[in-house]
Amino acid sequence: MNNILLLQLNRLGDLVQTLPLLRRMRRENPSARIVLVAQEGFSGVLDGCDYFDKLITLSLSQLEALGTPEHRAAFPDLAPYDGHLEFRQAYDLIVNLTNDLGSAVLCEKIRAERKLGRIHTYEGELRLLGPWAKYMFSMVSHRMENQFNIVDIQMGIAGLAPRPEPGSLRVTEARKREALETLAAAGRRPDRKLIALQTAASELHRAWSLENFAAAARAMLADGYADILLVGDARERERTEKLAAMIGMPVINAAGKTSLPQLAALLQSCDLLVSNDTGTIHVAAAAGTPTLGLYFSTAYYSETAPYGDNHAVLQVEIPCAPCLTSSRCAVQTCREFLTPAAVVETAAWMLADGSEPPSARPNLSLYRSRFLDNGSLAYLPVRREQASGHFLTGLLGRLLWEETLGLERDRALESCWESARGSELWERNRDGLAAGLARLGRPFREGLALAENLRAEFEAESPRRERIIRLHESLARLGKPMAEESRDAGLCGSFLKFEMMDMEFATYPALADILEKKYRKLSDWVGRFQATLARLALPVSPL
């Protein structure tokens, strides 16, 4: 490939989590020209990055404007797009990693031989190109069934098999020296561990309370082996000043005093970052710093936990959490299970490297990351014998999708399966999904038979108009049973709905051939899911 365009117009954490893919694409296409389109305000984190040849930044308002028909019709002859020749040229590949309408319009309007990800075609449609793009949009509504990290999902969207790409953020030597000098001037003691705290989040319902952060910091400082560094942007300066006063002991407060490149260098100088689920935790992980993520409310580790080996997350797991933003509680009881004592003990365990795992606590699970044999990342329970029901539900989904998406089987996951197999929850989930797929397969097979007959009628020497109308009406009536049955098939059902939407606009007789191929593909997917579930009902076989 000679020309590649990558659209990543989400927030800071998403941009940082795109770096492993960019580095991989650069390594595998060394002579290609790679253009990255990102949201302005976050691009500073790319300082010194040579994984792409051209960076174009857009504001969120400019991107949202493409959602209106008049702006779409004028593209690329409207500001700021008219100033970039890159929007007028043709590419070998466009990969859209963004989930909004504006980026879908860009993916549609810019010429390319191949496109992957969300693309805008018709009003009200959500068309997704490639199986991993369909998977990503499906898992948002079925969070418990997903255990793929977003970095691996993005690699899949780009048509690449997962491969480890840790530490993808470049920090220059000059920045490293500057960070060390800044810390020394602020009172950093080189004989002590340096623990950074990120106390805010883009949405404060995902942020641990300042009271809890203060209690944890005092305990870490009292032990005498750690200094505390507070980080954040300018908007968080008042919050960190309040926290420093609550701690009542000397800390280094760098919030609001650093650019994104300076923040990355400071974090790389730390031994550990303790953070809510927000962009800073991904910057630290990409810079090679171990992280401890605090996950509750709408934050769920399996989607957005940091990428790389040996990061840890504390995930609150109660029946209603993690929750969707639309259904979160006004008073979040899930926070009560994430205590300062649990955070302090887990941080000490991570810094000790190899000590006895922290003690188990009710409704709180500890996961640690590792790269699997197949190149993907997984967060596995530190105490496997105490794996939660949430984890077992996700494990079933992970094993199902790994096989159907063509990833190699992995020893660690197979071992988790051996431990889970036979449990009431495991069998109930597997049997329920198998039953849902069996019901969903019926309208797909019926649709295939109808589409075959429709195509044959059009190919007949004298096509019968009345029969064509009857077959078309019968196909149209399948929409309702397919929608109803897909609900019982979980993530698989949502995936298959997106697969059904992924069709070029056509009219008869060409549409008859397209429908036959589509229903055959849908039936084949159901068959693959069913075959994998059947294997997962058997004893674990040797790899």
Protein backbone atom coordinates (compact mmCIF):
# COMPACT_ATOMS: atom_id res chain seq x y z
CA MET A 1 0.00 0.00 0.00
CA ASN A 2 1.25 3.47 -0.91
CA ASN A 3 -1.30 5.74 0.79
CA ILE A 4 -3.15 5.11 4.07
CA LEU A 5 -5.56 7.45 5.87
CA LEU A 6 -6.47 6.83 9.52
CA LEU A 7 -9.38 8.67 11.19
CA GLN A 8 -9.17 8.82 14.99
CA LEU A 9 -11.28 11.75 16.15
CA ASN A 10 -12.19 10.57 19.66
CA ARG A 11 -10.71 11.82 22.93
CA LEU A 12 -7.17 11.72 24.34
CA GLY A 13 -7.26 8.15 25.64
CA ASP A 14 -8.56 6.84 22.33
CA LEU A 15 -5.83 8.69 20.42
CA VAL A 16 -3.12 7.26 22.67
CA GLN A 17 -4.61 3.79 22.27
CA THR A 18 -4.27 4.19 18.50
CA LEU A 19 -0.47 4.51 18.74
CA PRO A 20 0.14 0.71 18.80
CA LEU A 21 -1.81 0.40 15.54
CA LEU A 22 0.05 3.33 13.96
CA ARG A 23 3.42 1.88 14.92
CA ARG A 24 2.38 -1.50 13.52
CA MET A 25 1.17 0.04 10.25
CA ARG A 26 4.39 2.01 9.88
CA ARG A 27 6.54 -1.07 10.47
CA GLU A 28 4.57 -3.23 8.04
CA ASN A 29 4.27 -0.48 5.39
CA PRO A 30 7.60 1.38 5.67
CA SER A 31 7.31 3.08 2.27
CA ALA A 32 3.64 4.08 2.59
CA ARG A 33 2.47 7.62 3.21
CA ILE A 34 0.31 7.54 6.34
CA VAL A 35 -2.04 10.44 7.10
CA LEU A 36 -3.62 10.72 10.55
CA VAL A 37 -6.72 12.84 11.21
CA ALA A 38 -7.21 13.59 14.93
CA GLN A 39 -9.17 15.95 17.14
CA GLU A 40 -7.36 19.17 17.96
CA GLY A 41 -6.41 19.72 21.58
CA PHE A 42 -5.09 16.20 22.03
CA SER A 43 -2.48 16.04 19.27
CA GLY A 44 0.28 17.35 21.57
CA VAL A 45 0.68 13.83 22.91
CA LEU A 46 2.03 12.88 19.47
CA ASP A 47 5.07 15.13 19.89
CA GLY A 48 8.10 13.29 18.48
CA CYS A 49 6.00 10.47 17.03
CA ASP A 50 7.18 9.29 13.60
CA TYR A 51 4.51 6.64 12.92
CA PHE A 52 2.77 8.89 10.37
CA ASP A 53 3.78 11.39 7.70
CA LYS A 54 1.04 13.99 8.02
CA LEU A 55 -1.21 15.04 10.91
CA ILE A 56 -4.46 16.91 10.29
CA THR A 57 -6.38 18.20 13.31
CA LEU A 58 -10.07 19.11 13.34
CA SER A 59 -12.25 20.63 16.03
CA LEU A 60 -15.24 18.75 17.38
CA SER A 61 -17.58 21.44 16.04
CA GLN A 62 -16.11 21.14 12.55
CA LEU A 63 -16.59 17.40 12.64
CA GLU A 64 -20.15 17.64 13.93
CA ALA A 65 -21.01 20.09 11.14
CA LEU A 66 -20.55 17.30 8.61
CA GLY A 67 -23.69 15.73 10.05
CA THR A 68 -25.80 18.30 8.18
CA PRO A 69 -26.68 17.59 4.52
CA GLU A 70 -25.52 21.00 3.26
CA HIS A 71 -22.04 20.56 4.74
CA ARG A 72 -21.78 17.03 3.40
CA ALA A 73 -22.71 18.24 -0.06
CA ALA A 74 -20.02 20.95 0.08
CA PHE A 75 -17.19 18.68 1.25
CA PRO A 76 -14.27 19.14 0.69
CA ASP A 77 -14.86 22.70 -0.57
CA LEU A 78 -15.63 24.16 2.86
CA ALA A 79 -13.29 25.25 5.62
CA PRO A 80 -11.14 23.79 7.02
CA TYR A 81 -11.20 20.84 4.65
CA ASP A 82 -10.54 22.98 1.57
CA GLY A 83 -7.06 23.74 2.90
CA HIS A 84 -5.92 20.12 2.84
CA LEU A 85 -5.08 18.38 -0.41
CA GLU A 86 -5.20 15.12 1.58
CA PHE A 87 -9.01 15.21 1.50
CA ARG A 88 -9.01 15.31 -2.32
CA GLN A 89 -6.58 12.53 -3.12
CA ALA A 90 -7.25 8.80 -3.40
CA TYR A 91 -5.96 6.23 -0.88
CA ASP A 92 -5.30 2.55 -0.94
CA LEU A 93 -6.89 2.22 2.51
CA ILE A 94 -9.01 4.35 4.82
CA VAL A 95 -9.54 3.13 8.38
CA ASN A 96 -12.17 4.93 10.45
CA LEU A 97 -11.74 4.22 14.18
CA THR A 98 -14.26 6.90 15.22
CA ASN A 99 -17.90 6.20 16.03
CA ASP A 100 -19.66 9.44 15.08
CA LEU A 101 -21.50 10.61 11.99
CA GLY A 102 -18.93 13.24 10.97
CA SER A 103 -16.12 10.71 10.66
CA ALA A 104 -18.47 8.36 8.78
CA VAL A 105 -19.07 11.14 6.26
CA LEU A 106 -15.32 11.62 5.85
CA CYS A 107 -14.92 7.88 5.29
CA GLU A 108 -17.61 8.03 2.60
CA LYS A 109 -16.47 11.19 0.84
CA ILE A 110 -12.72 10.57 0.58
CA ARG A 111 -11.79 8.24 -2.25
CA ALA A 112 -10.12 4.91 -1.45
CA GLU A 113 -9.75 1.46 -2.94
CA ARG A 114 -10.65 -0.09 0.43
CA LYS A 115 -12.46 1.31 3.45
CA LEU A 116 -12.87 -0.13 6.96
CA GLY A 117 -14.91 1.07 9.93
CA ARG A 118 -18.02 3.23 9.98
CA ILE A 119 -19.10 4.78 6.68
CA HIS A 120 -22.06 7.05 5.92
CA THR A 121 -24.25 5.84 3.08
CA TYR A 122 -27.96 6.64 3.59
CA GLU A 123 -29.77 8.79 6.13
CA GLY A 124 -30.53 6.92 9.33
CA GLU A 125 -28.33 3.95 8.40
CA LEU A 126 -25.39 2.70 10.45
CA ARG A 127 -23.11 0.86 8.06
CA LEU A 128 -19.94 -0.77 9.34
CA LEU A 129 -17.28 -2.25 7.07
CA GLY A 130 -15.39 -5.30 8.32
CA PRO A 131 -16.24 -7.79 11.10
CA TRP A 132 -14.25 -6.05 13.83
CA ALA A 133 -16.06 -2.75 13.24
CA LYS A 134 -19.36 -4.58 13.64
CA TYR A 135 -18.02 -6.24 16.77
CA MET A 136 -16.98 -2.90 18.32
CA PHE A 137 -20.38 -1.31 17.82
CA SER A 138 -22.13 -4.45 19.06
CA MET A 139 -20.16 -4.83 22.27
CA VAL A 140 -21.12 -1.33 23.46
CA SER A 141 -24.62 -2.67 24.23
CA HIS A 142 -23.35 -6.03 25.53
CA ARG A 143 -20.45 -5.03 27.76
CA MET A 144 -20.40 -8.16 29.90
CA GLU A 145 -19.80 -10.36 26.86
CA ASN A 146 -16.66 -8.51 25.77
CA GLN A 147 -13.11 -9.07 27.00
CA PHE A 148 -11.18 -7.65 24.05
CA ASN A 149 -9.10 -4.54 24.72
CA ILE A 150 -9.88 -1.60 22.45
CA VAL A 151 -6.34 -1.64 21.03
CA ASP A 152 -6.80 -5.19 19.73
CA ILE A 153 -10.24 -4.27 18.39
CA GLN A 154 -8.74 -1.32 16.52
CA MET A 155 -6.07 -3.54 15.00
CA GLY A 156 -8.83 -5.87 13.88
CA ILE A 157 -10.78 -2.98 12.35
CA ALA A 158 -7.66 -2.10 10.36
CA GLY A 159 -7.48 -5.68 9.06
CA LEU A 160 -4.52 -6.74 11.23
CA ALA A 161 -4.19 -9.69 13.59
CA PRO A 162 -3.33 -8.61 17.16
CA ARG A 163 0.36 -8.40 18.04
CA PRO A 164 1.97 -6.94 21.19
CA GLU A 165 2.90 -3.28 20.73
CA PRO A 166 3.58 -1.97 24.26
CA GLY A 167 5.30 1.31 25.14
CA SER A 168 4.30 3.04 21.92
CA LEU A 169 4.57 6.63 23.17
CA ARG A 170 7.85 8.37 22.34
CA VAL A 171 9.40 10.54 25.06
CA THR A 172 12.47 12.47 23.95
CA GLU A 173 15.67 12.50 25.98
CA ALA A 174 15.30 16.25 26.44
CA ARG A 175 11.82 15.76 27.93
CA LYS A 176 13.13 13.04 30.26
CA ARG A 177 15.87 15.34 31.57
CA GLU A 178 13.39 18.19 31.98
CA ALA A 179 11.03 15.93 33.96
CA LEU A 180 13.78 14.77 36.32
CA GLU A 181 14.92 18.36 36.92
CA THR A 182 11.32 19.45 37.58
CA LEU A 183 10.78 16.67 40.09
CA ALA A 184 14.10 17.31 41.86
CA ALA A 185 13.29 21.00 42.17
CA ALA A 186 9.89 20.12 43.65
CA GLY A 187 11.46 17.97 46.37
CA ARG A 188 11.43 14.50 44.80
CA ARG A 189 13.53 12.11 46.91
CA PRO A 190 15.35 9.61 44.66
CA ASP A 191 15.51 6.97 47.41
CA ARG A 192 11.69 6.70 47.45
CA LYS A 193 9.13 5.34 45.04
CA LEU A 194 7.20 7.95 43.10
CA ILE A 195 3.45 7.34 42.86
CA ALA A 196 1.34 9.62 40.66
CA LEU A 197 -2.37 10.20 41.30
CA GLN A 198 -4.87 11.25 38.63
CA THR A 199 -7.96 12.25 40.56
CA ALA A 200 -10.34 13.56 37.90
CA ALA A 201 -12.02 12.08 34.83
CA SER A 202 -13.86 13.45 31.81
CA GLU A 203 -17.08 12.59 33.69
CA LEU A 204 -16.85 12.95 37.46
CA HIS A 205 -19.25 10.10 38.17
CA ARG A 206 -16.30 7.90 37.10
CA ALA A 207 -13.93 9.63 39.55
CA TRP A 208 -13.05 8.26 42.99
CA SER A 209 -13.75 10.78 45.74
CA LEU A 210 -11.10 13.23 46.92
CA GLU A 211 -11.63 11.91 50.45
CA ASN A 212 -10.62 8.44 49.32
CA PHE A 213 -7.61 9.69 47.35
CA ALA A 214 -6.49 11.70 50.40
CA ALA A 215 -6.78 8.69 52.71
CA ALA A 216 -4.83 6.49 50.28
CA ALA A 217 -2.12 9.15 49.81
CA ARG A 218 -1.67 9.63 53.56
CA ALA A 219 -1.22 5.87 54.01
CA MET A 220 1.35 5.72 51.20
CA LEU A 221 3.27 8.68 52.61
CA ALA A 222 3.13 7.34 56.17
CA ASP A 223 4.90 4.17 55.09
CA GLY A 224 7.90 6.34 54.27
CA TYR A 225 8.83 4.75 50.95
CA ALA A 226 6.84 6.88 48.52
CA ASP A 227 6.53 10.43 47.27
CA ILE A 228 3.21 11.54 45.78
CA LEU A 229 2.83 13.39 42.47
CA LEU A 230 -0.54 14.93 41.58
CA VAL A 231 -1.23 15.27 37.86
CA GLY A 232 -4.02 16.73 35.75
CA ASP A 233 -4.78 19.53 33.31
CA ALA A 234 -5.42 23.20 34.05
CA ARG A 235 -9.11 22.57 34.74
CA GLU A 236 -8.13 20.17 37.54
CA ARG A 237 -5.70 22.49 39.32
CA GLU A 238 -8.27 23.63 41.88
CA ARG A 239 -9.25 20.02 42.53
CA THR A 240 -5.66 18.93 43.17
CA GLU A 241 -4.97 21.93 45.40
CA LYS A 242 -7.95 20.92 47.49
CA LEU A 243 -6.65 17.34 47.60
CA ALA A 244 -3.16 18.47 48.66
CA ALA A 245 -4.70 20.37 51.57
CA MET A 246 -6.75 17.33 52.55
CA ILE A 247 -3.66 15.11 52.52
CA GLY A 248 -1.92 17.48 54.93
CA MET A 249 1.56 16.18 54.07
CA PRO A 250 4.07 17.37 51.41
CA VAL A 251 3.17 16.34 47.85
CA ILE A 252 4.23 17.49 44.38
CA ASN A 253 1.35 19.13 42.53
CA ALA A 254 2.02 19.33 38.78
CA ALA A 255 -1.64 19.65 37.69
CA GLY A 256 -2.12 22.42 35.14
CA LYS A 257 1.63 23.02 34.85
CA THR A 258 2.49 20.61 32.02
CA SER A 259 1.86 20.22 28.33
CA LEU A 260 0.91 16.75 27.12
CA PRO A 261 4.52 15.90 26.13
CA GLN A 262 5.73 17.12 29.55
CA LEU A 263 3.03 15.07 31.27
CA ALA A 264 4.16 11.94 29.41
CA ALA A 265 7.75 12.54 30.54
CA LEU A 266 6.70 13.08 34.17
CA LEU A 267 4.63 9.91 34.15
CA GLN A 268 7.50 7.93 32.65
CA SER A 269 9.58 9.00 35.67
CA CYS A 270 7.04 7.45 38.07
CA ASP A 271 7.03 3.95 39.52
CA LEU A 272 3.23 3.75 39.46
CA LEU A 273 0.16 5.76 38.45
CA VAL A 274 -3.10 5.32 40.37
CA SER A 275 -5.88 6.72 38.25
CA ASN A 276 -9.53 6.79 37.33
CA ASP A 277 -10.46 5.59 33.85
CA THR A 278 -9.37 8.66 31.90
CA GLY A 279 -6.84 9.74 29.27
CA THR A 280 -3.91 10.10 31.68
CA ILE A 281 -3.86 6.39 32.50
CA HIS A 282 -3.39 5.59 28.80
CA VAL A 283 -0.62 8.16 28.45
CA ALA A 284 1.21 6.55 31.39
CA ALA A 285 0.79 3.02 30.04
CA ALA A 286 1.94 4.04 26.56
CA ALA A 287 5.02 5.67 28.15
CA GLY A 288 5.83 2.38 29.92
CA THR A 289 4.71 3.25 33.46
CA PRO A 290 2.78 0.60 35.46
CA THR A 291 -0.78 1.68 36.22
CA LEU A 292 -3.48 0.82 38.74
CA GLY A 293 -6.91 1.67 37.35
CA LEU A 294 -9.94 2.37 39.54
CA TYR A 295 -13.05 1.15 37.74
CA PHE A 296 -16.68 1.55 38.83
CA SER A 297 -19.85 3.32 37.66
CA THR A 298 -19.82 3.22 33.83
CA ALA A 299 -16.10 2.36 33.61
CA TYR A 300 -15.45 -1.26 32.64
CA TYR A 301 -11.94 -2.67 32.47
CA SER A 302 -12.45 -5.06 29.56
CA GLU A 303 -13.10 -2.20 27.14
CA THR A 304 -10.76 0.57 28.18
CA ALA A 305 -8.13 -0.74 30.60
CA PRO A 306 -4.56 0.36 29.78
CA TYR A 307 -2.70 -1.51 27.05
CA GLY A 308 0.47 -3.41 27.98
CA ASP A 309 1.82 -6.07 30.33
CA ASN A 310 1.41 -6.03 34.12
CA HIS A 311 -1.09 -3.23 34.55
CA ALA A 312 -3.76 -3.81 37.20
CA VAL A 313 -7.35 -2.73 37.67
CA LEU A 314 -9.67 -2.82 40.65
CA GLN A 315 -13.17 -3.32 39.22
CA VAL A 316 -16.29 -3.01 41.34
CA GLU A 317 -18.63 -5.84 40.34
CA ILE A 318 -22.13 -5.82 41.71
CA PRO A 319 -25.31 -6.81 39.82
CA CYS A 320 -25.95 -3.26 38.57
CA ALA A 321 -22.33 -2.23 37.92
CA PRO A 322 -20.63 -1.51 35.68
CA CYS A 323 -23.64 0.25 34.22
CA LEU A 324 -24.59 2.21 31.13
CA THR A 325 -24.57 6.01 31.29
CA SER A 326 -28.31 5.97 30.59
CA SER A 327 -29.03 3.78 33.63
CA ARG A 328 -26.50 4.90 36.24
CA CYS A 329 -27.68 5.64 39.77
CA ALA A 330 -28.03 9.13 41.18
CA VAL A 331 -26.23 7.80 44.28
CA GLN A 332 -23.55 5.36 43.21
CA THR A 333 -23.34 2.64 45.83
CA CYS A 334 -20.69 0.86 43.74
CA ARG A 335 -18.08 3.37 44.97
CA GLU A 336 -18.45 2.06 48.54
CA PHE A 337 -16.74 -1.22 47.66
CA LEU A 338 -13.57 0.48 46.38
CA THR A 339 -11.86 1.44 49.63
CA PRO A 340 -8.58 3.29 50.29
CA ALA A 341 -7.24 0.18 52.04
CA ALA A 342 -7.80 -1.92 48.90
CA VAL A 343 -6.01 0.64 46.72
CA VAL A 344 -3.05 1.02 49.10
CA GLU A 345 -2.60 -2.74 49.45
CA THR A 346 -2.80 -3.28 45.69
CA ALA A 347 -0.33 -0.47 44.98
CA ALA A 348 2.14 -1.95 47.49
CA TRP A 349 1.72 -5.38 45.86
CA MET A 350 2.47 -3.95 42.42
CA LEU A 351 5.56 -2.11 43.63
CA ALA A 352 6.83 -5.16 45.54
CA ASP A 353 6.65 -7.25 42.33
CA GLY A 354 5.96 -10.86 43.18
CA SER A 355 4.61 -10.64 46.70
CA GLU A 356 1.45 -12.40 47.86
CA PRO A 357 -1.61 -10.94 46.05
CA PRO A 358 -3.84 -8.59 48.04
CA SER A 359 -6.58 -10.08 50.14
CA ALA A 360 -9.97 -10.62 48.52
CA ARG A 361 -12.70 -8.07 49.19
CA PRO A 362 -16.46 -8.35 48.60
CA ASN A 363 -17.70 -7.13 45.21
CA LEU A 364 -14.23 -5.97 44.19
CA SER A 365 -12.16 -7.87 41.61
CA LEU A 366 -8.46 -7.46 40.90
CA TYR A 367 -7.30 -8.08 37.33
CA ARG A 368 -3.81 -7.97 35.84
CA SER A 369 -2.90 -7.67 32.17
CA ARG A 370 -0.79 -10.01 30.07
CA PHE A 371 -0.19 -10.65 26.40
CA LEU A 372 -1.53 -14.01 25.28
CA ASP A 373 0.08 -16.52 22.93
CA ASN A 374 -2.09 -15.21 20.07
CA GLY A 375 -0.74 -11.67 20.46
CA SER A 376 -3.83 -10.12 22.04
CA LEU A 377 -4.08 -8.55 25.49
CA ALA A 378 -6.19 -9.95 28.32
CA TYR A 379 -6.91 -8.88 31.88
CA LEU A 380 -7.17 -12.04 33.99
CA PRO A 381 -8.22 -12.44 37.63
CA VAL A 382 -5.26 -12.38 40.00
CA ARG A 383 -7.10 -14.94 42.14
CA ARG A 384 -8.60 -17.25 39.52
CA GLU A 385 -10.49 -19.30 42.11
CA GLN A 386 -12.47 -16.14 42.92
CA ALA A 387 -13.34 -15.22 39.32
CA SER A 388 -16.54 -13.19 39.30
CA GLY A 389 -19.72 -13.97 37.42
CA HIS A 390 -18.99 -10.96 35.22
CA PHE A 391 -15.62 -12.44 34.25
CA LEU A 392 -17.09 -15.85 33.47
CA THR A 393 -19.74 -14.25 31.25
CA GLY A 394 -17.03 -12.31 29.42
CA LEU A 395 -14.78 -15.35 29.16
CA LEU A 396 -17.47 -17.25 27.26
CA GLY A 397 -17.79 -14.34 24.85
CA ARG A 398 -14.02 -14.04 24.48
CA LEU A 399 -13.56 -17.73 23.63
CA LEU A 400 -16.50 -17.63 21.24
CA TRP A 401 -15.27 -14.60 19.31
CA GLU A 402 -11.60 -15.56 19.30
CA GLU A 403 -12.46 -18.72 17.41
CA THR A 404 -15.02 -17.23 15.04
CA LEU A 405 -12.74 -14.27 14.22
CA GLY A 406 -9.82 -16.57 13.52
CA LEU A 407 -7.46 -16.00 16.46
CA GLU A 408 -5.31 -18.85 17.68
CA ARG A 409 -6.32 -20.58 20.89
CA ASP A 410 -4.42 -19.56 24.01
CA ARG A 411 -3.23 -21.61 26.98
CA ALA A 412 -4.16 -19.04 29.62
CA LEU A 413 -7.73 -18.65 28.40
CA GLU A 414 -8.13 -22.38 27.95
CA SER A 415 -7.01 -22.80 31.57
CA CYS A 416 -9.62 -20.27 32.70
CA TRP A 417 -12.21 -22.19 30.68
CA GLU A 418 -11.20 -25.45 32.38
CA SER A 419 -11.78 -23.78 35.75
CA ALA A 420 -15.13 -22.31 34.69
CA ARG A 421 -16.56 -25.24 32.74
CA GLY A 422 -19.30 -27.02 34.61
CA SER A 423 -20.23 -24.09 36.82
CA GLU A 424 -23.91 -23.25 36.86
CA LEU A 425 -23.38 -19.74 35.46
CA TRP A 426 -21.11 -20.95 32.65
CA GLU A 427 -23.53 -23.66 31.53
CA ARG A 428 -26.55 -21.38 31.81
CA ASN A 429 -24.90 -18.67 29.70
CA ARG A 430 -23.66 -21.12 27.09
CA ASP A 431 -26.98 -22.94 26.83
CA GLY A 432 -28.94 -19.68 26.68
CA LEU A 433 -26.78 -18.31 23.87
CA ALA A 434 -26.97 -21.60 21.97
CA ALA A 435 -30.77 -21.55 22.20
CA GLY A 436 -30.92 -17.91 21.08
CA LEU A 437 -28.71 -18.63 18.06
CA ALA A 438 -30.80 -21.67 17.14
CA ARG A 439 -33.92 -19.50 17.04
CA LEU A 440 -32.16 -16.73 15.13
CA GLY A 441 -30.85 -19.20 12.57
CA ARG A 442 -34.37 -20.14 11.45
CA PRO A 443 -35.33 -16.79 9.84
CA PHE A 444 -31.86 -16.60 8.28
CA ARG A 445 -32.29 -20.01 6.66
CA GLU A 446 -35.80 -19.07 5.57
CA GLY A 447 -34.44 -15.84 4.11
CA LEU A 448 -31.76 -17.74 2.22
CA ALA A 449 -34.35 -20.06 0.67
CA LEU A 450 -36.56 -17.11 -0.31
CA ALA A 451 -33.63 -15.18 -1.78
CA GLU A 452 -32.50 -18.24 -3.78
CA ASN A 453 -36.00 -18.59 -5.22
CA LEU A 454 -36.15 -14.87 -5.95
CA ARG A 455 -32.86 -14.93 -7.84
CA ALA A 456 -33.94 -18.04 -9.75
CA GLU A 457 -37.21 -16.35 -10.73
CA PHE A 458 -35.39 -13.35 -12.15
CA GLU A 459 -33.09 -15.69 -14.10
CA ALA A 460 -36.01 -17.65 -15.55
CA GLU A 461 -36.84 -17.27 -19.20
CA SER A 462 -40.18 -15.69 -18.29
CA PRO A 463 -40.04 -14.19 -14.77
CA ARG A 464 -43.42 -14.20 -13.03
CA ARG A 465 -44.18 -10.78 -11.59
CA GLU A 466 -46.71 -12.06 -9.04
CA ARG A 467 -44.26 -14.62 -7.65
CA ILE A 468 -41.51 -12.01 -7.41
CA ILE A 469 -43.83 -9.74 -5.41
CA ARG A 470 -44.84 -12.60 -3.07
CA LEU A 471 -41.20 -13.58 -2.46
CA HIS A 472 -40.24 -9.96 -1.84
CA GLU A 473 -43.08 -9.51 0.66
CA SER A 474 -42.12 -12.73 2.44
CA LEU A 475 -38.54 -11.48 2.78
CA ALA A 476 -39.78 -8.14 4.14
CA ARG A 477 -41.85 -9.93 6.81
CA LEU A 478 -38.70 -11.63 8.13
CA GLY A 479 -37.49 -8.32 9.56
CA LYS A 480 -39.65 -8.56 12.67
CA PRO A 481 -38.73 -12.15 13.72
CA MET A 482 -35.06 -11.43 13.04
CA ALA A 483 -35.18 -8.35 15.29
CA GLU A 484 -37.00 -10.26 18.05
CA GLU A 485 -34.75 -13.32 17.97
CA SER A 486 -31.55 -11.27 17.80
CA ARG A 487 -32.24 -9.92 21.30
CA ASP A 488 -31.78 -13.39 22.81
CA ALA A 489 -28.51 -13.88 20.94
CA GLY A 490 -26.72 -11.08 22.80
CA LEU A 491 -23.63 -9.62 21.18
CA CYS A 492 -23.88 -12.19 18.38
CA GLY A 493 -27.38 -10.98 17.56
CA SER A 494 -26.30 -7.33 17.42
CA PHE A 495 -23.34 -8.26 15.25
CA LEU A 496 -25.60 -10.08 12.79
CA LYS A 497 -27.97 -7.08 12.63
CA PHE A 498 -25.03 -4.88 11.63
CA GLU A 499 -24.00 -7.51 9.09
CA MET A 500 -27.47 -7.37 7.57
CA MET A 501 -27.18 -3.57 7.25
CA ASP A 502 -23.87 -3.83 5.41
CA MET A 503 -25.19 -3.86 1.83
CA GLU A 504 -24.70 -1.72 -1.25
CA PHE A 505 -27.77 0.09 -2.57
CA ALA A 506 -29.23 -1.89 -5.47
CA THR A 507 -32.49 -2.62 -7.24
CA TYR A 508 -33.88 -5.82 -8.69
CA PRO A 509 -32.73 -8.02 -10.32
CA ALA A 510 -29.21 -7.33 -8.90
CA LEU A 511 -30.68 -7.06 -5.39
CA ALA A 512 -31.86 -10.68 -5.53
CA ASP A 513 -28.27 -11.90 -5.92
CA ILE A 514 -27.06 -9.55 -3.13
CA LEU A 515 -29.76 -10.82 -0.75
CA GLU A 516 -28.91 -14.44 -1.46
CA LYS A 517 -25.24 -13.83 -0.67
CA LYS A 518 -26.13 -11.84 2.45
CA TYR A 519 -28.46 -14.50 3.89
CA ARG A 520 -25.90 -17.19 3.13
CA LYS A 521 -23.26 -15.19 4.99
CA LEU A 522 -25.59 -14.67 7.96
CA SER A 523 -26.40 -18.39 8.08
CA ASP A 524 -22.69 -19.20 7.90
CA TRP A 525 -21.95 -16.88 10.84
CA VAL A 526 -24.64 -18.57 12.93
CA GLY A 527 -23.14 -21.95 12.04
CA ARG A 528 -19.69 -20.80 13.14
CA PHE A 529 -21.03 -19.52 16.46
CA GLN A 530 -22.91 -22.77 17.04
CA ALA A 531 -19.88 -24.92 16.24
CA THR A 532 -17.74 -22.98 18.72
CA LEU A 533 -20.38 -23.21 21.45
CA ALA A 534 -20.57 -26.95 20.87
CA ARG A 535 -16.80 -27.20 21.41
CA LEU A 536 -17.10 -25.14 24.57
CA ALA A 537 -19.51 -27.73 25.96
CA LEU A 538 -16.79 -30.41 25.74
CA PRO A 539 -13.78 -31.01 27.99
CA VAL A 540 -10.79 -28.81 27.23
CA SER A 541 -8.68 -30.41 24.50
CA PRO A 542 -4.86 -30.09 24.39
CA LEU A 543 -3.46 -27.23 22.32
